[in-house]
Amino acid sequence: MTRTLAIFAALWPAALAAQDLPTIAEIGRCWNPGSLPPAARTADVNVSVQFDADGRPIPDSVAPTGYIAPDDPNAHFAFEAARRAVLRCGEDGYSLPPGYAGTGRPAEITFTIPEGMRP
């Protein structure tokens, strides 16, 4: 099963359209929900992130903004996997639109566990 579209939605600021951002595909290459414990594969997670002037994610800005299964005690595992994907694939900077990087505006990304990987 391919995981490149395991990230189904990006809720960027209104001025930006998700289709303009190759960032989704870039992060998708590093999103590995298969590494999660089976019990954690029920929790989708929304993650907020800010980028520096070179398009690299600012590590301290990566934070969960919500969980689809917030009562799941394993939900934090889904966040940690999402955080690793954002940081690992962004080491060299993302291909953000001109004028977006370094603005301090957060982007929100929804990481969704594909149906075939759920317990």
C-alpha atoms as a PDB file:
ATOM      1  CA  MET A   1       0.000   0.000   0.000  1.00  0.00           C
ATOM      2  CA  THR A   2       1.377   3.381  -0.941  1.00  0.00           C
ATOM      3  CA  ARG A   3       1.560   5.949   1.810  1.00  0.00           C
ATOM      4  CA  THR A   4       2.289   9.050  -0.260  1.00  0.00           C
ATOM      5  CA  LEU A   5      -1.325  10.185   0.075  1.00  0.00           C
ATOM      6  CA  ALA A   6      -1.681   9.156   3.694  1.00  0.00           C
ATOM      7  CA  ILE A   7      -1.744  12.888   4.376  1.00  0.00           C
ATOM      8  CA  PHE A   8      -5.179  13.734   3.055  1.00  0.00           C
ATOM      9  CA  ALA A   9      -5.519  17.433   3.809  1.00  0.00           C
ATOM     10  CA  ALA A  10      -3.434  20.492   4.428  1.00  0.00           C
ATOM     11  CA  LEU A  11      -5.222  23.472   5.884  1.00  0.00           C
ATOM     12  CA  TRP A  12      -2.874  26.278   4.914  1.00  0.00           C
ATOM     13  CA  PRO A  13      -3.668  29.945   5.442  1.00  0.00           C
ATOM     14  CA  ALA A  14      -6.441  31.112   3.135  1.00  0.00           C
ATOM     15  CA  ALA A  15      -3.994  32.866   0.801  1.00  0.00           C
ATOM     16  CA  LEU A  16      -2.422  29.553  -0.141  1.00  0.00           C
ATOM     17  CA  ALA A  17      -3.976  26.589  -1.905  1.00  0.00           C
ATOM     18  CA  ALA A  18      -2.837  23.075  -0.972  1.00  0.00           C
ATOM     19  CA  GLN A  19      -2.430  22.124  -4.637  1.00  0.00           C
ATOM     20  CA  ASP A  20       0.236  24.836  -4.922  1.00  0.00           C
ATOM     21  CA  LEU A  21       2.381  23.131  -2.313  1.00  0.00           C
ATOM     22  CA  PRO A  22       4.531  20.161  -3.244  1.00  0.00           C
ATOM     23  CA  THR A  23       5.195  20.033   0.493  1.00  0.00           C
ATOM     24  CA  ILE A  24       2.369  17.516   0.975  1.00  0.00           C
ATOM     25  CA  ALA A  25       4.063  14.945  -1.251  1.00  0.00           C
ATOM     26  CA  GLU A  26       7.416  15.702   0.373  1.00  0.00           C
ATOM     27  CA  ILE A  27       6.066  15.025   3.866  1.00  0.00           C
ATOM     28  CA  GLY A  28       4.134  11.998   2.629  1.00  0.00           C
ATOM     29  CA  ARG A  29       7.387  10.261   1.725  1.00  0.00           C
ATOM     30  CA  CYS A  30       8.452  10.380   5.383  1.00  0.00           C
ATOM     31  CA  TRP A  31       5.074   9.602   6.983  1.00  0.00           C
ATOM     32  CA  ASN A  32       5.303   6.013   8.145  1.00  0.00           C
ATOM     33  CA  PRO A  33       2.163   4.971  10.023  1.00  0.00           C
ATOM     34  CA  GLY A  34       3.283   1.351   9.667  1.00  0.00           C
ATOM     35  CA  SER A  35       5.873   2.046  12.371  1.00  0.00           C
ATOM     36  CA  LEU A  36       3.119   2.785  14.880  1.00  0.00           C
ATOM     37  CA  PRO A  37       1.996   0.182  17.375  1.00  0.00           C
ATOM     38  CA  PRO A  38      -1.288  -1.364  16.146  1.00  0.00           C
ATOM     39  CA  ALA A  39      -3.237   0.265  18.977  1.00  0.00           C
ATOM     40  CA  ALA A  40      -2.035   3.713  17.819  1.00  0.00           C
ATOM     41  CA  ARG A  41      -3.254   3.218  14.251  1.00  0.00           C
ATOM     42  CA  THR A  42      -6.710   4.491  15.153  1.00  0.00           C
ATOM     43  CA  ALA A  43      -5.671   8.074  15.916  1.00  0.00           C
ATOM     44  CA  ASP A  44      -5.437  10.562  13.075  1.00  0.00           C
ATOM     45  CA  VAL A  45      -3.695  13.774  14.097  1.00  0.00           C
ATOM     46  CA  ASN A  46      -3.671  17.445  13.103  1.00  0.00           C
ATOM     47  CA  VAL A  47      -0.257  19.064  13.372  1.00  0.00           C
ATOM     48  CA  SER A  48       0.651  22.743  13.282  1.00  0.00           C
ATOM     49  CA  VAL A  49       4.105  23.801  12.036  1.00  0.00           C
ATOM     50  CA  GLN A  50       5.970  27.010  11.227  1.00  0.00           C
ATOM     51  CA  PHE A  51       8.863  27.337   8.774  1.00  0.00           C
ATOM     52  CA  ASP A  52      12.084  29.345   8.880  1.00  0.00           C
ATOM     53  CA  ALA A  53      13.248  31.597   6.033  1.00  0.00           C
ATOM     54  CA  ASP A  54      14.794  28.588   4.236  1.00  0.00           C
ATOM     55  CA  GLY A  55      11.568  26.563   4.346  1.00  0.00           C
ATOM     56  CA  ARG A  56      12.768  24.269   7.121  1.00  0.00           C
ATOM     57  CA  PRO A  57      10.266  23.393   9.852  1.00  0.00           C
ATOM     58  CA  ILE A  58      10.990  25.043  13.192  1.00  0.00           C
ATOM     59  CA  PRO A  59      11.230  22.033  15.547  1.00  0.00           C
ATOM     60  CA  ASP A  60       9.711  23.745  18.594  1.00  0.00           C
ATOM     61  CA  SER A  61       6.728  24.896  16.529  1.00  0.00           C
ATOM     62  CA  VAL A  62       5.561  21.384  15.595  1.00  0.00           C
ATOM     63  CA  ALA A  63       2.592  20.723  17.843  1.00  0.00           C
ATOM     64  CA  PRO A  64      -0.593  18.657  17.838  1.00  0.00           C
ATOM     65  CA  THR A  65      -3.715  20.743  17.306  1.00  0.00           C
ATOM     66  CA  GLY A  66      -6.176  17.880  17.518  1.00  0.00           C
ATOM     67  CA  TYR A  67      -6.744  14.164  17.310  1.00  0.00           C
ATOM     68  CA  ILE A  68      -9.513  12.279  15.552  1.00  0.00           C
ATOM     69  CA  ALA A  69      -9.524   9.810  18.453  1.00  0.00           C
ATOM     70  CA  PRO A  70      -8.499  12.131  21.308  1.00  0.00           C
ATOM     71  CA  ASP A  71      -9.440   9.666  24.037  1.00  0.00           C
ATOM     72  CA  ASP A  72      -7.107   7.043  22.624  1.00  0.00           C
ATOM     73  CA  PRO A  73      -4.207   6.669  25.095  1.00  0.00           C
ATOM     74  CA  ASN A  74      -1.957   5.865  22.126  1.00  0.00           C
ATOM     75  CA  ALA A  75      -2.772   9.067  20.191  1.00  0.00           C
ATOM     76  CA  HIS A  76       0.559  10.642  21.126  1.00  0.00           C
ATOM     77  CA  PHE A  77       2.319   7.944  19.062  1.00  0.00           C
ATOM     78  CA  ALA A  78       0.517   9.211  15.935  1.00  0.00           C
ATOM     79  CA  PHE A  79       1.668  12.757  16.730  1.00  0.00           C
ATOM     80  CA  GLU A  80       5.276  11.653  17.230  1.00  0.00           C
ATOM     81  CA  ALA A  81       5.262   9.834  13.863  1.00  0.00           C
ATOM     82  CA  ALA A  82       3.799  12.919  12.177  1.00  0.00           C
ATOM     83  CA  ARG A  83       6.355  15.176  13.879  1.00  0.00           C
ATOM     84  CA  ARG A  84       9.214  12.943  12.722  1.00  0.00           C
ATOM     85  CA  ALA A  85       7.882  13.054   9.142  1.00  0.00           C
ATOM     86  CA  VAL A  86       7.667  16.863   9.107  1.00  0.00           C
ATOM     87  CA  LEU A  87      11.157  17.294  10.563  1.00  0.00           C
ATOM     88  CA  ARG A  88      12.934  14.500   8.681  1.00  0.00           C
ATOM     89  CA  CYS A  89      11.695  15.459   5.219  1.00  0.00           C
ATOM     90  CA  GLY A  90      12.175  19.149   5.920  1.00  0.00           C
ATOM     91  CA  GLU A  91      15.858  19.014   6.861  1.00  0.00           C
ATOM     92  CA  ASP A  92      16.817  20.707   3.579  1.00  0.00           C
ATOM     93  CA  GLY A  93      13.734  22.939   3.510  1.00  0.00           C
ATOM     94  CA  TYR A  94      10.392  22.518   1.772  1.00  0.00           C
ATOM     95  CA  SER A  95       9.385  23.970  -1.572  1.00  0.00           C
ATOM     96  CA  LEU A  96       7.143  26.668  -0.154  1.00  0.00           C
ATOM     97  CA  PRO A  97       5.652  29.465  -2.244  1.00  0.00           C
ATOM     98  CA  PRO A  98       7.722  32.677  -2.387  1.00  0.00           C
ATOM     99  CA  GLY A  99       7.119  34.919   0.580  1.00  0.00           C
ATOM    100  CA  TYR A 100       5.693  32.159   2.773  1.00  0.00           C
ATOM    101  CA  ALA A 101       8.776  30.789   4.530  1.00  0.00           C
ATOM    102  CA  GLY A 102       9.841  32.689   7.610  1.00  0.00           C
ATOM    103  CA  THR A 103       6.534  34.520   8.060  1.00  0.00           C
ATOM    104  CA  GLY A 104       5.703  32.828  11.351  1.00  0.00           C
ATOM    105  CA  ARG A 105       2.289  31.805  10.047  1.00  0.00           C
ATOM    106  CA  PRO A 106       1.568  28.208  11.035  1.00  0.00           C
ATOM    107  CA  ALA A 107       0.442  25.587   8.566  1.00  0.00           C
ATOM    108  CA  GLU A 108      -1.838  22.808   9.754  1.00  0.00           C
ATOM    109  CA  ILE A 109      -1.571  19.321   8.291  1.00  0.00           C
ATOM    110  CA  THR A 110      -3.901  16.402   8.924  1.00  0.00           C
ATOM    111  CA  PHE A 111      -2.200  13.009   9.052  1.00  0.00           C
ATOM    112  CA  THR A 112      -4.674  10.188   8.424  1.00  0.00           C
ATOM    113  CA  ILE A 113      -4.004   6.507   8.970  1.00  0.00           C
ATOM    114  CA  PRO A 114      -4.972   4.655   5.750  1.00  0.00           C
ATOM    115  CA  GLU A 115      -7.879   2.222   6.199  1.00  0.00           C
ATOM    116  CA  GLY A 116      -5.742  -0.788   5.237  1.00  0.00           C
ATOM    117  CA  MET A 117      -3.348  -0.062   8.100  1.00  0.00           C
ATOM    118  CA  ARG A 118      -5.959   0.304  10.829  1.00  0.00           C
ATOM    119  CA  PRO A 119      -6.422  -2.569  13.283  1.00  0.00           C
END
